[in-house]
N, C-alpha and C. Protein backbone atom coordinates (compact mmCIF):
# COMPACT_ATOMS: atom_id res chain seq x y z
N UNK A 1 -16.17 34.81 47.61
CA UNK A 1 -16.24 36.13 46.99
C UNK A 1 -15.90 36.01 45.52
N UNK A 2 -16.52 36.88 44.73
CA UNK A 2 -16.31 36.89 43.29
C UNK A 2 -15.80 38.25 42.87
N UNK A 3 -14.81 38.27 42.00
CA UNK A 3 -14.28 39.52 41.46
C UNK A 3 -14.41 39.54 39.95
N UNK A 4 -14.77 40.71 39.43
CA UNK A 4 -14.79 40.95 37.99
C UNK A 4 -13.76 42.02 37.70
N UNK A 5 -12.82 41.70 36.82
CA UNK A 5 -11.76 42.65 36.49
C UNK A 5 -11.84 42.97 35.01
N UNK A 6 -12.00 44.27 34.72
CA UNK A 6 -12.12 44.72 33.33
C UNK A 6 -10.78 45.26 32.85
N UNK A 7 -10.62 45.23 31.54
CA UNK A 7 -9.45 45.83 30.91
C UNK A 7 -9.81 46.24 29.50
N UNK A 8 -8.99 47.12 28.93
CA UNK A 8 -9.14 47.45 27.52
C UNK A 8 -9.70 48.81 27.22
N UNK A 9 -10.07 49.58 28.23
CA UNK A 9 -10.57 50.92 27.96
C UNK A 9 -9.45 51.84 27.49
N UNK A 10 -9.83 53.06 27.11
CA UNK A 10 -8.83 54.03 26.68
C UNK A 10 -9.42 55.14 25.86
N UNK A 11 -8.52 55.86 25.19
CA UNK A 11 -8.89 56.99 24.35
C UNK A 11 -8.72 56.60 22.89
N UNK A 12 -9.74 56.88 22.10
CA UNK A 12 -9.69 56.54 20.68
C UNK A 12 -10.42 57.62 19.89
N UNK A 13 -10.03 57.81 18.65
CA UNK A 13 -10.71 58.77 17.80
C UNK A 13 -12.01 58.17 17.26
N UNK A 14 -12.93 59.05 16.91
CA UNK A 14 -14.18 58.60 16.31
C UNK A 14 -13.89 57.75 15.09
N UNK A 15 -14.64 56.65 14.98
CA UNK A 15 -14.43 55.71 13.90
C UNK A 15 -13.48 54.58 14.24
N UNK A 16 -12.80 54.71 15.37
CA UNK A 16 -11.85 53.70 15.78
C UNK A 16 -12.49 52.54 16.51
N UNK A 17 -11.64 51.67 17.02
CA UNK A 17 -12.11 50.45 17.69
C UNK A 17 -11.41 50.26 19.03
N UNK A 18 -12.10 49.61 19.93
CA UNK A 18 -11.54 49.17 21.20
C UNK A 18 -12.15 47.82 21.54
N UNK A 19 -11.42 47.05 22.32
CA UNK A 19 -11.93 45.76 22.78
C UNK A 19 -11.84 45.72 24.30
N UNK A 20 -12.97 45.54 24.94
CA UNK A 20 -13.01 45.42 26.39
C UNK A 20 -13.06 43.94 26.77
N UNK A 21 -12.38 43.62 27.85
CA UNK A 21 -12.39 42.26 28.37
C UNK A 21 -12.72 42.27 29.85
N UNK A 22 -13.36 41.22 30.30
CA UNK A 22 -13.71 41.10 31.71
C UNK A 22 -13.52 39.65 32.13
N UNK A 23 -12.80 39.45 33.23
CA UNK A 23 -12.55 38.10 33.74
C UNK A 23 -13.14 37.97 35.13
N UNK A 24 -13.90 36.92 35.34
CA UNK A 24 -14.48 36.65 36.65
C UNK A 24 -13.66 35.59 37.36
N UNK A 25 -13.45 35.79 38.65
CA UNK A 25 -12.69 34.81 39.44
C UNK A 25 -13.31 34.71 40.83
N UNK A 26 -13.00 33.61 41.51
CA UNK A 26 -13.50 33.42 42.86
C UNK A 26 -14.33 32.16 42.98
N UNK A 27 -15.24 32.16 43.92
CA UNK A 27 -16.06 30.98 44.21
C UNK A 27 -17.24 30.90 43.25
N UNK A 28 -16.95 30.43 42.06
CA UNK A 28 -17.96 30.42 41.00
C UNK A 28 -18.34 28.98 40.68
N UNK A 29 -19.65 28.70 40.77
CA UNK A 29 -20.14 27.41 40.30
C UNK A 29 -20.39 27.49 38.81
N UNK A 30 -21.10 28.50 38.42
CA UNK A 30 -21.30 28.78 37.00
C UNK A 30 -21.79 30.22 36.87
N UNK A 31 -21.69 30.74 35.67
CA UNK A 31 -22.14 32.10 35.41
C UNK A 31 -23.28 32.05 34.41
N UNK A 32 -24.38 32.65 34.75
CA UNK A 32 -25.50 32.72 33.84
C UNK A 32 -25.25 33.84 32.84
N UNK A 33 -26.05 34.88 32.83
CA UNK A 33 -25.82 35.96 31.88
C UNK A 33 -24.61 36.80 32.28
N UNK A 34 -23.93 37.33 31.27
CA UNK A 34 -22.86 38.30 31.46
C UNK A 34 -23.15 39.47 30.54
N UNK A 35 -22.67 40.64 30.93
CA UNK A 35 -22.97 41.78 30.08
C UNK A 35 -22.10 42.97 30.34
N UNK A 36 -22.34 43.99 29.54
CA UNK A 36 -21.65 45.27 29.68
C UNK A 36 -22.69 46.38 29.78
N UNK A 37 -22.45 47.26 30.73
CA UNK A 37 -23.26 48.45 30.92
C UNK A 37 -22.34 49.66 30.80
N UNK A 38 -22.92 50.83 30.62
CA UNK A 38 -22.11 52.04 30.59
C UNK A 38 -22.86 53.18 31.27
N UNK A 39 -22.06 54.12 31.76
CA UNK A 39 -22.63 55.28 32.41
C UNK A 39 -21.82 56.51 32.03
N UNK A 40 -22.48 57.44 31.37
CA UNK A 40 -21.86 58.72 31.02
C UNK A 40 -22.20 59.74 32.10
N UNK A 41 -21.40 60.78 32.24
CA UNK A 41 -21.67 61.79 33.28
C UNK A 41 -23.08 62.36 33.14
N UNK A 42 -23.79 62.37 34.26
CA UNK A 42 -25.13 62.93 34.26
C UNK A 42 -26.21 61.98 33.78
N UNK A 43 -25.80 60.80 33.35
CA UNK A 43 -26.76 59.82 32.84
C UNK A 43 -26.87 58.61 33.75
N UNK A 44 -27.96 57.87 33.60
CA UNK A 44 -28.09 56.62 34.32
C UNK A 44 -27.28 55.53 33.64
N UNK A 45 -26.94 54.52 34.42
CA UNK A 45 -26.26 53.36 33.85
C UNK A 45 -27.23 52.65 32.90
N UNK A 46 -26.73 52.28 31.74
CA UNK A 46 -27.58 51.65 30.74
C UNK A 46 -26.93 50.38 30.19
N UNK A 47 -27.77 49.47 29.78
CA UNK A 47 -27.28 48.23 29.17
C UNK A 47 -26.70 48.53 27.80
N UNK A 48 -25.52 47.98 27.55
CA UNK A 48 -24.91 48.04 26.22
C UNK A 48 -25.18 46.73 25.48
N UNK A 49 -24.83 45.63 26.13
CA UNK A 49 -25.05 44.31 25.55
C UNK A 49 -24.94 43.27 26.63
N UNK A 50 -25.68 42.19 26.47
CA UNK A 50 -25.49 41.05 27.36
C UNK A 50 -25.59 39.77 26.55
N UNK A 51 -25.21 38.67 27.20
CA UNK A 51 -25.15 37.40 26.48
C UNK A 51 -25.46 36.28 27.46
N UNK A 52 -26.28 35.35 27.03
CA UNK A 52 -26.64 34.22 27.89
C UNK A 52 -25.50 33.22 27.96
N UNK A 53 -25.62 32.29 28.88
CA UNK A 53 -24.61 31.25 29.00
C UNK A 53 -24.51 30.45 27.69
N UNK A 54 -25.62 30.33 27.01
CA UNK A 54 -25.63 29.60 25.76
C UNK A 54 -25.13 30.39 24.57
N UNK A 55 -24.81 31.67 24.79
CA UNK A 55 -24.23 32.47 23.71
C UNK A 55 -25.19 33.35 22.95
N UNK A 56 -26.40 33.51 23.43
CA UNK A 56 -27.37 34.36 22.74
C UNK A 56 -27.17 35.82 23.15
N UNK A 57 -26.81 36.69 22.20
CA UNK A 57 -26.54 38.09 22.54
C UNK A 57 -27.78 38.98 22.45
N UNK A 58 -27.67 40.09 23.14
CA UNK A 58 -28.72 41.12 23.12
C UNK A 58 -28.01 42.46 23.15
N UNK A 59 -28.44 43.39 22.26
CA UNK A 59 -27.75 44.67 22.16
C UNK A 59 -28.71 45.84 22.32
N UNK A 60 -28.19 46.92 22.87
CA UNK A 60 -28.93 48.17 22.84
C UNK A 60 -29.01 48.65 21.39
N UNK A 61 -30.10 49.30 21.06
CA UNK A 61 -30.27 49.76 19.68
C UNK A 61 -29.13 50.66 19.24
N UNK A 62 -28.59 51.44 20.16
CA UNK A 62 -27.56 52.41 19.81
C UNK A 62 -26.25 51.78 19.39
N UNK A 63 -26.05 50.50 19.70
CA UNK A 63 -24.77 49.86 19.37
C UNK A 63 -24.91 48.71 18.39
N UNK A 64 -26.13 48.38 18.01
CA UNK A 64 -26.33 47.27 17.07
C UNK A 64 -25.57 47.52 15.77
N UNK A 65 -24.89 46.49 15.31
CA UNK A 65 -24.12 46.59 14.08
C UNK A 65 -22.73 47.14 14.27
N UNK A 66 -22.42 47.67 15.45
CA UNK A 66 -21.09 48.23 15.71
C UNK A 66 -20.35 47.46 16.79
N UNK A 67 -21.07 46.96 17.79
CA UNK A 67 -20.47 46.25 18.90
C UNK A 67 -20.79 44.77 18.81
N UNK A 68 -19.86 43.94 19.29
CA UNK A 68 -20.08 42.50 19.34
C UNK A 68 -19.65 41.98 20.71
N UNK A 69 -20.57 41.27 21.36
CA UNK A 69 -20.26 40.68 22.66
C UNK A 69 -19.99 39.20 22.47
N UNK A 70 -19.04 38.68 23.25
CA UNK A 70 -18.72 37.26 23.19
C UNK A 70 -18.28 36.81 24.57
N UNK A 71 -18.30 35.51 24.80
CA UNK A 71 -17.88 34.99 26.10
C UNK A 71 -17.20 33.64 25.94
N UNK A 72 -16.40 33.31 26.93
CA UNK A 72 -15.74 32.02 27.00
C UNK A 72 -16.12 31.42 28.35
N UNK A 73 -17.00 30.44 28.34
CA UNK A 73 -17.48 29.86 29.60
C UNK A 73 -16.38 29.13 30.36
N UNK A 74 -15.46 28.54 29.65
CA UNK A 74 -14.38 27.80 30.31
C UNK A 74 -13.45 28.74 31.08
N UNK A 75 -13.31 29.96 30.57
CA UNK A 75 -12.41 30.93 31.21
C UNK A 75 -13.17 31.97 32.04
N UNK A 76 -14.49 31.91 32.03
CA UNK A 76 -15.31 32.90 32.76
C UNK A 76 -14.99 34.32 32.32
N UNK A 77 -14.93 34.51 31.02
CA UNK A 77 -14.62 35.83 30.49
C UNK A 77 -15.72 36.29 29.54
N UNK A 78 -15.84 37.60 29.43
CA UNK A 78 -16.75 38.21 28.46
C UNK A 78 -16.01 39.37 27.81
N UNK A 79 -16.18 39.50 26.51
CA UNK A 79 -15.51 40.55 25.75
C UNK A 79 -16.52 41.41 25.01
N UNK A 80 -16.11 42.63 24.75
CA UNK A 80 -16.94 43.54 23.96
C UNK A 80 -16.06 44.19 22.90
N UNK A 81 -16.27 43.81 21.66
CA UNK A 81 -15.55 44.43 20.55
C UNK A 81 -16.37 45.62 20.08
N UNK A 82 -15.75 46.79 20.13
CA UNK A 82 -16.45 48.03 19.79
C UNK A 82 -15.81 48.63 18.55
N UNK A 83 -16.56 48.69 17.48
CA UNK A 83 -16.09 49.27 16.23
C UNK A 83 -16.89 50.52 15.88
N UNK A 84 -16.36 51.30 14.97
CA UNK A 84 -17.04 52.52 14.51
C UNK A 84 -17.49 53.36 15.70
N UNK A 85 -16.59 53.57 16.61
CA UNK A 85 -16.93 54.29 17.84
C UNK A 85 -17.29 55.74 17.56
N UNK A 86 -18.22 56.24 18.37
CA UNK A 86 -18.72 57.60 18.23
C UNK A 86 -18.46 58.36 19.54
N UNK A 87 -18.38 59.67 19.49
CA UNK A 87 -18.20 60.43 20.74
C UNK A 87 -19.27 60.12 21.78
N UNK A 88 -20.47 59.82 21.34
CA UNK A 88 -21.53 59.51 22.31
C UNK A 88 -21.37 58.15 22.98
N UNK A 89 -20.39 57.39 22.55
CA UNK A 89 -20.06 56.13 23.24
C UNK A 89 -19.18 56.38 24.46
N UNK A 90 -18.72 57.59 24.63
CA UNK A 90 -17.87 57.93 25.77
C UNK A 90 -18.61 57.69 27.08
N UNK A 91 -18.01 56.89 27.95
CA UNK A 91 -18.64 56.54 29.22
C UNK A 91 -17.68 55.65 30.01
N UNK A 92 -18.06 55.39 31.25
CA UNK A 92 -17.41 54.32 32.01
C UNK A 92 -18.18 53.04 31.72
N UNK A 93 -17.47 52.01 31.31
CA UNK A 93 -18.09 50.74 30.97
C UNK A 93 -17.88 49.74 32.11
N UNK A 94 -18.96 49.09 32.48
CA UNK A 94 -18.95 48.15 33.60
C UNK A 94 -19.31 46.75 33.13
N UNK A 95 -18.55 45.80 33.59
CA UNK A 95 -18.86 44.39 33.36
C UNK A 95 -19.85 43.93 34.42
N UNK A 96 -20.72 43.04 34.04
CA UNK A 96 -21.76 42.54 34.93
C UNK A 96 -21.89 41.03 34.74
N UNK A 97 -22.07 40.30 35.84
CA UNK A 97 -22.23 38.86 35.73
C UNK A 97 -23.24 38.36 36.74
N UNK A 98 -24.06 37.45 36.31
CA UNK A 98 -25.04 36.79 37.16
C UNK A 98 -24.45 35.43 37.54
N UNK A 99 -23.91 35.35 38.76
CA UNK A 99 -23.10 34.20 39.17
C UNK A 99 -23.91 33.24 40.03
N UNK A 100 -23.83 31.97 39.68
CA UNK A 100 -24.49 30.93 40.45
C UNK A 100 -23.53 30.43 41.52
N UNK A 101 -23.91 30.56 42.78
CA UNK A 101 -23.10 30.04 43.89
C UNK A 101 -24.01 29.11 44.68
N UNK A 102 -23.79 27.82 44.51
CA UNK A 102 -24.70 26.87 45.12
C UNK A 102 -26.06 26.98 44.46
N UNK A 103 -27.10 27.12 45.26
CA UNK A 103 -28.46 27.21 44.72
C UNK A 103 -28.91 28.65 44.54
N UNK A 104 -28.06 29.58 44.89
CA UNK A 104 -28.42 30.99 44.80
C UNK A 104 -27.67 31.67 43.66
N UNK A 105 -28.23 32.77 43.20
CA UNK A 105 -27.63 33.55 42.12
C UNK A 105 -27.41 34.98 42.61
N UNK A 106 -26.24 35.52 42.28
CA UNK A 106 -25.89 36.86 42.73
C UNK A 106 -25.39 37.67 41.53
N UNK A 107 -25.63 38.96 41.56
CA UNK A 107 -25.15 39.86 40.51
C UNK A 107 -23.90 40.58 40.99
N UNK A 108 -22.88 40.54 40.18
CA UNK A 108 -21.62 41.21 40.50
C UNK A 108 -21.28 42.23 39.42
N UNK A 109 -20.52 43.25 39.84
CA UNK A 109 -20.09 44.31 38.94
C UNK A 109 -18.58 44.48 39.00
N UNK A 110 -18.01 44.83 37.87
CA UNK A 110 -16.62 45.22 37.86
C UNK A 110 -16.46 46.65 38.32
N UNK A 111 -15.20 47.10 38.37
CA UNK A 111 -14.91 48.44 38.89
C UNK A 111 -15.11 49.52 37.83
N UNK A 112 -15.23 49.12 36.59
CA UNK A 112 -15.44 50.08 35.50
C UNK A 112 -14.15 50.43 34.78
N UNK A 113 -14.28 50.68 33.49
CA UNK A 113 -13.15 51.11 32.70
C UNK A 113 -13.61 52.25 31.79
N UNK A 114 -12.79 53.29 31.72
CA UNK A 114 -13.17 54.50 30.98
C UNK A 114 -12.93 54.30 29.48
N UNK A 115 -13.93 54.65 28.70
CA UNK A 115 -13.81 54.70 27.25
C UNK A 115 -14.10 56.14 26.82
N UNK A 116 -13.14 56.75 26.14
CA UNK A 116 -13.30 58.11 25.67
C UNK A 116 -13.10 58.14 24.16
N UNK A 117 -14.09 58.67 23.45
CA UNK A 117 -14.03 58.76 21.99
C UNK A 117 -13.99 60.23 21.62
N UNK A 118 -12.91 60.63 20.99
CA UNK A 118 -12.75 62.03 20.60
C UNK A 118 -13.28 62.25 19.18
N UNK A 119 -13.79 63.44 18.96
CA UNK A 119 -14.36 63.76 17.64
C UNK A 119 -13.31 64.33 16.71
């Protein structure tokens, strides 16, 4: 079994910063892509950013230039540095990992962490 545990959410004023972290543990051979998604009330879950095992990032247009994703393959962690936060960034943020277990690959999700940006 694989667990993803997120931390770092909270309440911040517009223009502020937060850093989200996610650690994967369990029966992991290797992790392919890792990423962050978010879901605001009444909206579908959407990709915020993801990053390949080799470190190539991909960002949603809405966060480009403000958010930075990074990972540490040795520690099986992925981080999301969020700067210049806006009220529309308010959502539950979920960590996501594509985990290689033997010859098969599985997608896992964290439990979510709330990010609230006040105006």
